[in-house]
Amino acid sequence: MTDSVTVGVRVPRLGEKSFLFEYEVRNDDTVAATGETTVVTYGRDEQAPVPIPDSWRESIGQFEGL
């Protein structure tokens, strides 16, 4: 027998050069696990973090209501 889980993902905020993903894994009404990942936008040419592209910022902001 296998259990089904639900995974929720959200971006709670946008920085200048990075943003956070937050995760929540649920089994019915029980939170089974949480996690987060910080994503840094990186320019290969610059070999350094670069500002989040405007198109990403707009899309993420609209989706998340930021």
PDB file of N, CA and C in Angstrom:
ATOM      1  N   MET A   1       0.840  -1.176   0.000  1.00  0.00           N
ATOM      2  CA  MET A   1       0.000   0.000   0.000  1.00  0.00           C
ATOM      3  C   MET A   1       0.890   1.246   0.000  1.00  0.00           C
ATOM      4  N   THR A   2       0.532   2.249  -0.791  1.00  0.00           N
ATOM      5  CA  THR A   2       1.301   3.483  -0.844  1.00  0.00           C
ATOM      6  C   THR A   2       0.444   4.642  -0.365  1.00  0.00           C
ATOM      7  N   ASP A   3       1.082   5.612   0.230  1.00  0.00           N
ATOM      8  CA  ASP A   3       0.412   6.833   0.655  1.00  0.00           C
ATOM      9  C   ASP A   3       0.545   7.879  -0.431  1.00  0.00           C
ATOM     10  N   SER A   4      -0.457   8.718  -0.532  1.00  0.00           N
ATOM     11  CA  SER A   4      -0.379   9.868  -1.423  1.00  0.00           C
ATOM     12  C   SER A   4      -0.046  11.091  -0.580  1.00  0.00           C
ATOM     13  N   VAL A   5       0.788  11.946  -1.130  1.00  0.00           N
ATOM     14  CA  VAL A   5       1.134  13.189  -0.452  1.00  0.00           C
ATOM     15  C   VAL A   5       0.858  14.358  -1.380  1.00  0.00           C
ATOM     16  N   THR A   6       0.725  15.516  -0.788  1.00  0.00           N
ATOM     17  CA  THR A   6       0.584  16.760  -1.530  1.00  0.00           C
ATOM     18  C   THR A   6       1.802  17.618  -1.240  1.00  0.00           C
ATOM     19  N   VAL A   7       2.379  18.187  -2.284  1.00  0.00           N
ATOM     20  CA  VAL A   7       3.542  19.051  -2.124  1.00  0.00           C
ATOM     21  C   VAL A   7       3.148  20.457  -2.553  1.00  0.00           C
ATOM     22  N   GLY A   8       3.319  21.407  -1.654  1.00  0.00           N
ATOM     23  CA  GLY A   8       3.074  22.814  -1.963  1.00  0.00           C
ATOM     24  C   GLY A   8       4.397  23.541  -2.082  1.00  0.00           C
ATOM     25  N   VAL A   9       4.468  24.443  -3.036  1.00  0.00           N
ATOM     26  CA  VAL A   9       5.681  25.241  -3.259  1.00  0.00           C
ATOM     27  C   VAL A   9       5.259  26.684  -3.426  1.00  0.00           C
ATOM     28  N   ARG A  10       6.007  27.598  -2.805  1.00  0.00           N
ATOM     29  CA  ARG A  10       5.716  29.018  -2.995  1.00  0.00           C
ATOM     30  C   ARG A  10       7.004  29.823  -2.935  1.00  0.00           C
ATOM     31  N   VAL A  11       6.934  31.011  -3.512  1.00  0.00           N
ATOM     32  CA  VAL A  11       8.020  31.985  -3.426  1.00  0.00           C
ATOM     33  C   VAL A  11       7.491  33.120  -2.552  1.00  0.00           C
ATOM     34  N   PRO A  12       7.958  33.226  -1.302  1.00  0.00           N
ATOM     35  CA  PRO A  12       7.406  34.230  -0.403  1.00  0.00           C
ATOM     36  C   PRO A  12       7.952  35.643  -0.612  1.00  0.00           C
ATOM     37  N   ARG A  13       9.116  35.748  -1.256  1.00  0.00           N
ATOM     38  CA  ARG A  13       9.702  37.080  -1.469  1.00  0.00           C
ATOM     39  C   ARG A  13      10.763  37.015  -2.562  1.00  0.00           C
ATOM     40  N   LEU A  14      10.993  38.163  -3.158  1.00  0.00           N
ATOM     41  CA  LEU A  14      12.030  38.303  -4.186  1.00  0.00           C
ATOM     42  C   LEU A  14      13.067  39.297  -3.687  1.00  0.00           C
ATOM     43  N   GLY A  15      14.316  38.907  -3.764  1.00  0.00           N
ATOM     44  CA  GLY A  15      15.392  39.840  -3.461  1.00  0.00           C
ATOM     45  C   GLY A  15      15.853  40.505  -4.748  1.00  0.00           C
ATOM     46  N   GLU A  16      17.007  41.122  -4.697  1.00  0.00           N
ATOM     47  CA  GLU A  16      17.568  41.741  -5.899  1.00  0.00           C
ATOM     48  C   GLU A  16      18.191  40.686  -6.828  1.00  0.00           C
ATOM     49  N   LYS A  17      18.908  39.736  -6.218  1.00  0.00           N
ATOM     50  CA  LYS A  17      19.640  38.731  -7.005  1.00  0.00           C
ATOM     51  C   LYS A  17      19.295  37.305  -6.589  1.00  0.00           C
ATOM     52  N   SER A  18      18.326  37.155  -5.699  1.00  0.00           N
ATOM     53  CA  SER A  18      17.968  35.819  -5.238  1.00  0.00           C
ATOM     54  C   SER A  18      16.502  35.781  -4.826  1.00  0.00           C
ATOM     55  N   PHE A  19      15.978  34.554  -4.749  1.00  0.00           N
ATOM     56  CA  PHE A  19      14.629  34.366  -4.230  1.00  0.00           C
ATOM     57  C   PHE A  19      14.547  33.013  -3.551  1.00  0.00           C
ATOM     58  N   LEU A  20      13.554  32.892  -2.685  1.00  0.00           N
ATOM     59  CA  LEU A  20      13.397  31.714  -1.853  1.00  0.00           C
ATOM     60  C   LEU A  20      12.238  30.864  -2.348  1.00  0.00           C
ATOM     61  N   PHE A  21      12.428  29.547  -2.420  1.00  0.00           N
ATOM     62  CA  PHE A  21      11.340  28.588  -2.593  1.00  0.00           C
ATOM     63  C   PHE A  21      11.077  27.970  -1.226  1.00  0.00           C
ATOM     64  N   GLU A  22       9.827  27.910  -0.803  1.00  0.00           N
ATOM     65  CA  GLU A  22       9.438  27.192   0.407  1.00  0.00           C
ATOM     66  C   GLU A  22       8.584  25.997   0.002  1.00  0.00           C
ATOM     67  N   TYR A  23       8.829  24.853   0.634  1.00  0.00           N
ATOM     68  CA  TYR A  23       8.127  23.613   0.317  1.00  0.00           C
ATOM     69  C   TYR A  23       7.412  23.090   1.562  1.00  0.00           C
ATOM     70  N   GLU A  24       6.257  22.456   1.332  1.00  0.00           N
ATOM     71  CA  GLU A  24       5.558  21.772   2.407  1.00  0.00           C
ATOM     72  C   GLU A  24       4.981  20.476   1.849  1.00  0.00           C
ATOM     73  N   VAL A  25       5.314  19.368   2.489  1.00  0.00           N
ATOM     74  CA  VAL A  25       4.806  18.055   2.096  1.00  0.00           C
ATOM     75  C   VAL A  25       3.761  17.650   3.125  1.00  0.00           C
ATOM     76  N   ARG A  26       2.550  17.310   2.645  1.00  0.00           N
ATOM     77  CA  ARG A  26       1.450  16.935   3.544  1.00  0.00           C
ATOM     78  C   ARG A  26       0.945  15.544   3.206  1.00  0.00           C
ATOM     79  N   ASN A  27       0.610  14.823   4.238  1.00  0.00           N
ATOM     80  CA  ASN A  27      -0.090  13.557   4.128  1.00  0.00           C
ATOM     81  C   ASN A  27      -1.430  13.793   4.813  1.00  0.00           C
ATOM     82  N   ASP A  28      -2.484  13.954   4.025  1.00  0.00           N
ATOM     83  CA  ASP A  28      -3.800  14.399   4.524  1.00  0.00           C
ATOM     84  C   ASP A  28      -3.618  15.769   5.174  1.00  0.00           C
ATOM     85  N   ASP A  29      -3.968  15.900   6.452  1.00  0.00           N
ATOM     86  CA  ASP A  29      -3.838  17.195   7.128  1.00  0.00           C
ATOM     87  C   ASP A  29      -2.560  17.317   7.939  1.00  0.00           C
ATOM     88  N   THR A  30      -1.686  16.348   7.808  1.00  0.00           N
ATOM     89  CA  THR A  30      -0.461  16.324   8.592  1.00  0.00           C
ATOM     90  C   THR A  30       0.714  16.812   7.757  1.00  0.00           C
ATOM     91  N   VAL A  31       1.463  17.776   8.287  1.00  0.00           N
ATOM     92  CA  VAL A  31       2.683  18.224   7.618  1.00  0.00           C
ATOM     93  C   VAL A  31       3.762  17.174   7.878  1.00  0.00           C
ATOM     94  N   ALA A  32       4.229  16.567   6.811  1.00  0.00           N
ATOM     95  CA  ALA A  32       5.235  15.512   6.920  1.00  0.00           C
ATOM     96  C   ALA A  32       6.655  16.059   6.812  1.00  0.00           C
ATOM     97  N   ALA A  33       6.822  17.147   6.066  1.00  0.00           N
ATOM     98  CA  ALA A  33       8.155  17.720   5.881  1.00  0.00           C
ATOM     99  C   ALA A  33       8.041  19.142   5.352  1.00  0.00           C
ATOM    100  N   THR A  34       9.049  19.941   5.644  1.00  0.00           N
ATOM    101  CA  THR A  34       9.151  21.282   5.079  1.00  0.00           C
ATOM    102  C   THR A  34      10.579  21.472   4.581  1.00  0.00           C
ATOM    103  N   GLY A  35      10.755  22.438   3.719  1.00  0.00           N
ATOM    104  CA  GLY A  35      12.097  22.720   3.233  1.00  0.00           C
ATOM    105  C   GLY A  35      12.137  24.053   2.526  1.00  0.00           C
ATOM    106  N   GLU A  36      13.328  24.487   2.212  1.00  0.00           N
ATOM    107  CA  GLU A  36      13.487  25.726   1.453  1.00  0.00           C
ATOM    108  C   GLU A  36      14.765  25.662   0.647  1.00  0.00           C
ATOM    109  N   THR A  37      14.736  26.408  -0.444  1.00  0.00           N
ATOM    110  CA  THR A  37      15.882  26.514  -1.336  1.00  0.00           C
ATOM    111  C   THR A  37      16.046  27.978  -1.708  1.00  0.00           C
ATOM    112  N   THR A  38      17.243  28.485  -1.635  1.00  0.00           N
ATOM    113  CA  THR A  38      17.525  29.833  -2.109  1.00  0.00           C
ATOM    114  C   THR A  38      18.122  29.717  -3.505  1.00  0.00           C
ATOM    115  N   VAL A  39      17.493  30.410  -4.458  1.00  0.00           N
ATOM    116  CA  VAL A  39      17.954  30.423  -5.844  1.00  0.00           C
ATOM    117  C   VAL A  39      18.647  31.763  -6.093  1.00  0.00           C
ATOM    118  N   VAL A  40      19.861  31.709  -6.594  1.00  0.00           N
ATOM    119  CA  VAL A  40      20.618  32.920  -6.926  1.00  0.00           C
ATOM    120  C   VAL A  40      20.761  32.980  -8.437  1.00  0.00           C
ATOM    121  N   THR A  41      20.373  34.108  -9.027  1.00  0.00           N
ATOM    122  CA  THR A  41      20.548  34.278 -10.468  1.00  0.00           C
ATOM    123  C   THR A  41      22.016  34.639 -10.718  1.00  0.00           C
ATOM    124  N   TYR A  42      22.628  33.860 -11.602  1.00  0.00           N
ATOM    125  CA  TYR A  42      24.071  33.937 -11.804  1.00  0.00           C
ATOM    126  C   TYR A  42      24.367  34.183 -13.270  1.00  0.00           C
ATOM    127  N   GLY A  43      25.261  35.124 -13.540  1.00  0.00           N
ATOM    128  CA  GLY A  43      25.671  35.407 -14.914  1.00  0.00           C
ATOM    129  C   GLY A  43      26.979  34.722 -15.236  1.00  0.00           C
ATOM    130  N   ARG A  44      26.957  33.878 -16.254  1.00  0.00           N
ATOM    131  CA  ARG A  44      28.202  33.193 -16.638  1.00  0.00           C
ATOM    132  C   ARG A  44      29.267  34.184 -17.092  1.00  0.00           C
ATOM    133  N   ASP A  45      28.845  35.158 -17.897  1.00  0.00           N
ATOM    134  CA  ASP A  45      29.822  36.144 -18.378  1.00  0.00           C
ATOM    135  C   ASP A  45      30.415  36.939 -17.220  1.00  0.00           C
ATOM    136  N   GLU A  46      29.548  37.319 -16.273  1.00  0.00           N
ATOM    137  CA  GLU A  46      29.992  38.117 -15.126  1.00  0.00           C
ATOM    138  C   GLU A  46      30.704  37.264 -14.078  1.00  0.00           C
ATOM    139  N   GLN A  47      30.430  35.967 -14.107  1.00  0.00           N
ATOM    140  CA  GLN A  47      30.919  35.034 -13.092  1.00  0.00           C
ATOM    141  C   GLN A  47      30.583  35.529 -11.684  1.00  0.00           C
ATOM    142  N   ALA A  48      29.328  35.999 -11.563  1.00  0.00           N
ATOM    143  CA  ALA A  48      28.861  36.555 -10.295  1.00  0.00           C
ATOM    144  C   ALA A  48      27.328  36.606 -10.315  1.00  0.00           C
ATOM    145  N   PRO A  49      26.717  36.749  -9.146  1.00  0.00           N
ATOM    146  CA  PRO A  49      25.263  36.932  -9.113  1.00  0.00           C
ATOM    147  C   PRO A  49      24.859  38.187  -9.889  1.00  0.00           C
ATOM    148  N   VAL A  50      23.721  38.088 -10.570  1.00  0.00           N
ATOM    149  CA  VAL A  50      23.184  39.215 -11.348  1.00  0.00           C
ATOM    150  C   VAL A  50      21.738  39.463 -10.908  1.00  0.00           C
ATOM    151  N   PRO A  51      21.196  40.644 -11.189  1.00  0.00           N
ATOM    152  CA  PRO A  51      19.805  40.915 -10.814  1.00  0.00           C
ATOM    153  C   PRO A  51      18.831  39.925 -11.462  1.00  0.00           C
ATOM    154  N   ILE A  52      17.766  39.617 -10.745  1.00  0.00           N
ATOM    155  CA  ILE A  52      16.709  38.757 -11.278  1.00  0.00           C
ATOM    156  C   ILE A  52      16.156  39.422 -12.534  1.00  0.00           C
ATOM    157  N   PRO A  53      16.052  38.701 -13.646  1.00  0.00           N
ATOM    158  CA  PRO A  53      15.505  39.297 -14.870  1.00  0.00           C
ATOM    159  C   PRO A  53      14.093  39.853 -14.628  1.00  0.00           C
ATOM    160  N   ASP A  54      13.804  40.985 -15.245  1.00  0.00           N
ATOM    161  CA  ASP A  54      12.497  41.623 -15.079  1.00  0.00           C
ATOM    162  C   ASP A  54      11.347  40.685 -15.437  1.00  0.00           C
ATOM    163  N   SER A  55      11.527  39.873 -16.485  1.00  0.00           N
ATOM    164  CA  SER A  55      10.450  38.965 -16.895  1.00  0.00           C
ATOM    165  C   SER A  55      10.177  37.916 -15.810  1.00  0.00           C
ATOM    166  N   TRP A  56      11.221  37.431 -15.143  1.00  0.00           N
ATOM    167  CA  TRP A  56      11.039  36.482 -14.033  1.00  0.00           C
ATOM    168  C   TRP A  56      10.330  37.168 -12.884  1.00  0.00           C
ATOM    169  N   ARG A  57      10.824  38.363 -12.545  1.00  0.00           N
ATOM    170  CA  ARG A  57      10.265  39.116 -11.422  1.00  0.00           C
ATOM    171  C   ARG A  57       8.775  39.367 -11.643  1.00  0.00           C
ATOM    172  N   GLU A  58       8.412  39.754 -12.856  1.00  0.00           N
ATOM    173  CA  GLU A  58       7.017  40.044 -13.164  1.00  0.00           C
ATOM    174  C   GLU A  58       6.183  38.765 -13.072  1.00  0.00           C
ATOM    175  N   SER A  59       6.642  37.686 -13.678  1.00  0.00           N
ATOM    176  CA  SER A  59       5.880  36.432 -13.681  1.00  0.00           C
ATOM    177  C   SER A  59       5.705  35.864 -12.272  1.00  0.00           C
ATOM    178  N   ILE A  60       6.792  35.808 -11.520  1.00  0.00           N
ATOM    179  CA  ILE A  60       6.731  35.291 -10.151  1.00  0.00           C
ATOM    180  C   ILE A  60       5.864  36.202  -9.292  1.00  0.00           C
ATOM    181  N   GLY A  61       6.065  37.499  -9.424  1.00  0.00           N
ATOM    182  CA  GLY A  61       5.287  38.456  -8.645  1.00  0.00           C
ATOM    183  C   GLY A  61       3.800  38.344  -8.906  1.00  0.00           C
ATOM    184  N   GLN A  62       3.412  38.201 -10.164  1.00  0.00           N
ATOM    185  CA  GLN A  62       1.986  38.064 -10.492  1.00  0.00           C
ATOM    186  C   GLN A  62       1.435  36.762  -9.945  1.00  0.00           C
ATOM    187  N   PHE A  63       2.151  35.676 -10.114  1.00  0.00           N
ATOM    188  CA  PHE A  63       1.679  34.367  -9.655  1.00  0.00           C
ATOM    189  C   PHE A  63       1.528  34.312  -8.146  1.00  0.00           C
ATOM    190  N   GLU A  64       2.515  34.867  -7.440  1.00  0.00           N
ATOM    191  CA  GLU A  64       2.531  34.802  -5.984  1.00  0.00           C
ATOM    192  C   GLU A  64       1.828  35.982  -5.306  1.00  0.00           C
ATOM    193  N   GLY A  65       1.454  36.993  -6.080  1.00  0.00           N
ATOM    194  CA  GLY A  65       0.809  38.164  -5.493  1.00  0.00           C
ATOM    195  C   GLY A  65       1.772  39.030  -4.704  1.00  0.00           C
ATOM    196  N   LEU A  66       3.006  39.104  -5.177  1.00  0.00           N
ATOM    197  CA  LEU A  66       4.031  39.906  -4.495  1.00  0.00           C
ATOM    198  C   LEU A  66       4.035  41.330  -4.977  1.00  0.00           C
TER     199      LEU A  66
END
